[in-house]
Protein backbone atom coordinates (compact mmCIF):
# COMPACT_ATOMS: atom_id res chain seq x y z
CA MET A 1 -8.22 2.00 -19.01
CA GLN A 2 -10.16 0.04 -16.43
CA GLN A 3 -11.25 2.09 -13.41
CA GLY A 4 -11.29 0.24 -10.10
CA VAL A 5 -10.95 0.71 -6.40
CA ASN A 6 -7.85 -0.44 -4.58
CA VAL A 7 -8.12 -1.57 -0.98
CA LEU A 8 -5.13 -1.44 1.33
CA ALA A 9 -5.64 -2.90 4.79
CA LEU A 10 -3.53 -3.19 7.92
CA VAL A 11 -4.53 -5.26 10.95
CA LYS A 12 -2.79 -4.38 14.21
CA ASP A 13 -4.01 -6.34 17.19
CA SER A 14 -7.68 -5.36 17.51
CA GLU A 15 -7.38 -2.34 15.19
CA ARG A 16 -8.00 -2.29 11.49
CA TYR A 17 -6.83 0.41 9.09
CA VAL A 18 -8.56 0.18 5.71
CA PHE A 19 -7.78 2.58 2.87
CA LEU A 20 -9.82 2.78 -0.34
CA TYR A 21 -8.32 4.65 -3.27
CA ASP A 22 -8.40 4.76 -7.05
CA ASP A 23 -5.34 4.82 -9.27
CA GLU A 24 -5.34 8.63 -9.37
CA GLY A 25 -5.52 8.83 -5.57
CA CYS A 26 -2.10 7.32 -4.82
CA ASP A 27 -0.44 10.62 -3.93
CA SER A 28 -3.29 11.60 -1.64
CA LEU A 29 -3.13 8.22 0.08
CA LEU A 30 0.62 8.56 0.62
CA ARG A 31 0.06 11.93 2.32
CA THR A 32 -2.68 10.39 4.48
CA LEU A 33 -0.35 7.60 5.59
CA GLY A 34 2.14 10.25 6.71
CA ARG A 35 -0.54 12.16 8.63
CA TYR A 36 -1.66 8.98 10.38
CA ALA A 37 1.93 8.14 11.35
CA ALA A 38 2.43 11.64 12.78
CA ASP A 39 -0.73 11.38 14.89
CA ASN A 40 0.29 10.34 18.41
CA GLU A 41 -3.31 9.36 19.20
CA LEU A 42 -3.12 6.47 16.72
CA SER A 43 -1.14 3.26 17.00
CA PHE A 44 -0.24 3.69 13.31
CA THR A 45 3.55 4.05 13.15
CA TRP A 46 6.07 5.42 10.67
CA TYR A 47 7.06 1.82 9.98
CA ASP A 48 3.43 1.04 9.10
CA ALA A 49 3.37 4.07 6.80
CA ALA A 50 6.63 3.01 5.14
CA VAL A 51 5.45 -0.54 4.47
CA LEU A 52 2.06 0.57 3.14
CA SER A 53 3.67 3.30 1.04
CA ARG A 54 5.94 0.71 -0.51
CA LYS A 55 2.91 -1.42 -1.36
CA VAL A 56 1.11 1.52 -2.97
CA ARG A 57 4.16 2.48 -5.04
CA ARG A 58 4.71 -1.14 -6.10
CA LEU A 59 1.10 -1.51 -7.20
CA ARG A 60 1.26 1.79 -9.10
CA ARG A 61 4.48 0.70 -10.82
CA GLN A 62 2.92 -2.63 -11.78
CA LEU A 63 -0.10 -0.87 -13.26
CA GLN A 64 2.11 1.49 -15.26
CA GLN A 65 4.18 -1.44 -16.54
CA LYS A 66 1.05 -3.37 -17.46
CA GLU A 67 -0.37 -0.39 -19.35
CA SER A 68 2.88 0.17 -21.22
CA GLY A 69 3.26 -3.53 -22.02
CA SER A 70 6.45 -3.86 -19.99
CA ARG A 71 7.21 -7.09 -18.27
CA VAL A 72 6.82 -7.11 -14.48
CA ARG A 73 9.84 -8.58 -12.67
CA GLU A 74 9.27 -11.02 -9.82
CA SER A 75 11.30 -8.76 -7.51
CA ASP A 76 8.68 -6.04 -8.10
CA THR A 77 5.89 -8.26 -6.80
CA ARG A 78 7.20 -9.42 -3.45
CA ASP A 79 8.06 -7.77 -0.17
CA SER A 80 10.21 -10.45 1.47
CA ASP A 81 12.46 -7.88 3.14
CA PHE A 82 9.62 -7.05 5.54
CA GLY A 83 9.39 -10.59 6.88
CA SER A 84 6.39 -11.95 8.71
CA TRP A 85 4.95 -8.50 9.41
CA ASP A 86 3.56 -8.61 5.88
CA GLN A 87 1.31 -11.53 6.81
CA ASN A 88 -1.07 -9.08 8.49
CA LEU A 89 -1.23 -6.88 5.40
CA GLU A 90 -3.55 -7.50 2.50
CA THR A 91 -4.06 -5.67 -0.77
CA TRP A 92 -6.68 -6.18 -3.41
CA ASP A 93 -7.26 -4.66 -6.83
C-alpha cells in the first residue's frame, strides 16, 4: 500500500483552511472539521464541514475500491449537487 499525504483546502474570501492527513487520519480529520464548525471565532461553518466531510469520505471510498479492485462509478467522483461553491475547494492526493 502506498503511503501518501492528502491535502484538503478551503478558500473563503481572504481565509484559507488547509488540512493535511494520511489515509489512517480520516476519522481524526472529520472530528476536527466538526470542532472548527462549532467554534464561533472561526468563519468555518457547518456547511463547510459537511462539504469537506463528504470529500474526505468520497476519497476514502475511492481508495478502498481501488485497493479491492472494484470499479469506481462516475457518480462517486463528482460533487455536482454542491454547485459553484465547490470551485473554491481543491483536493490533492
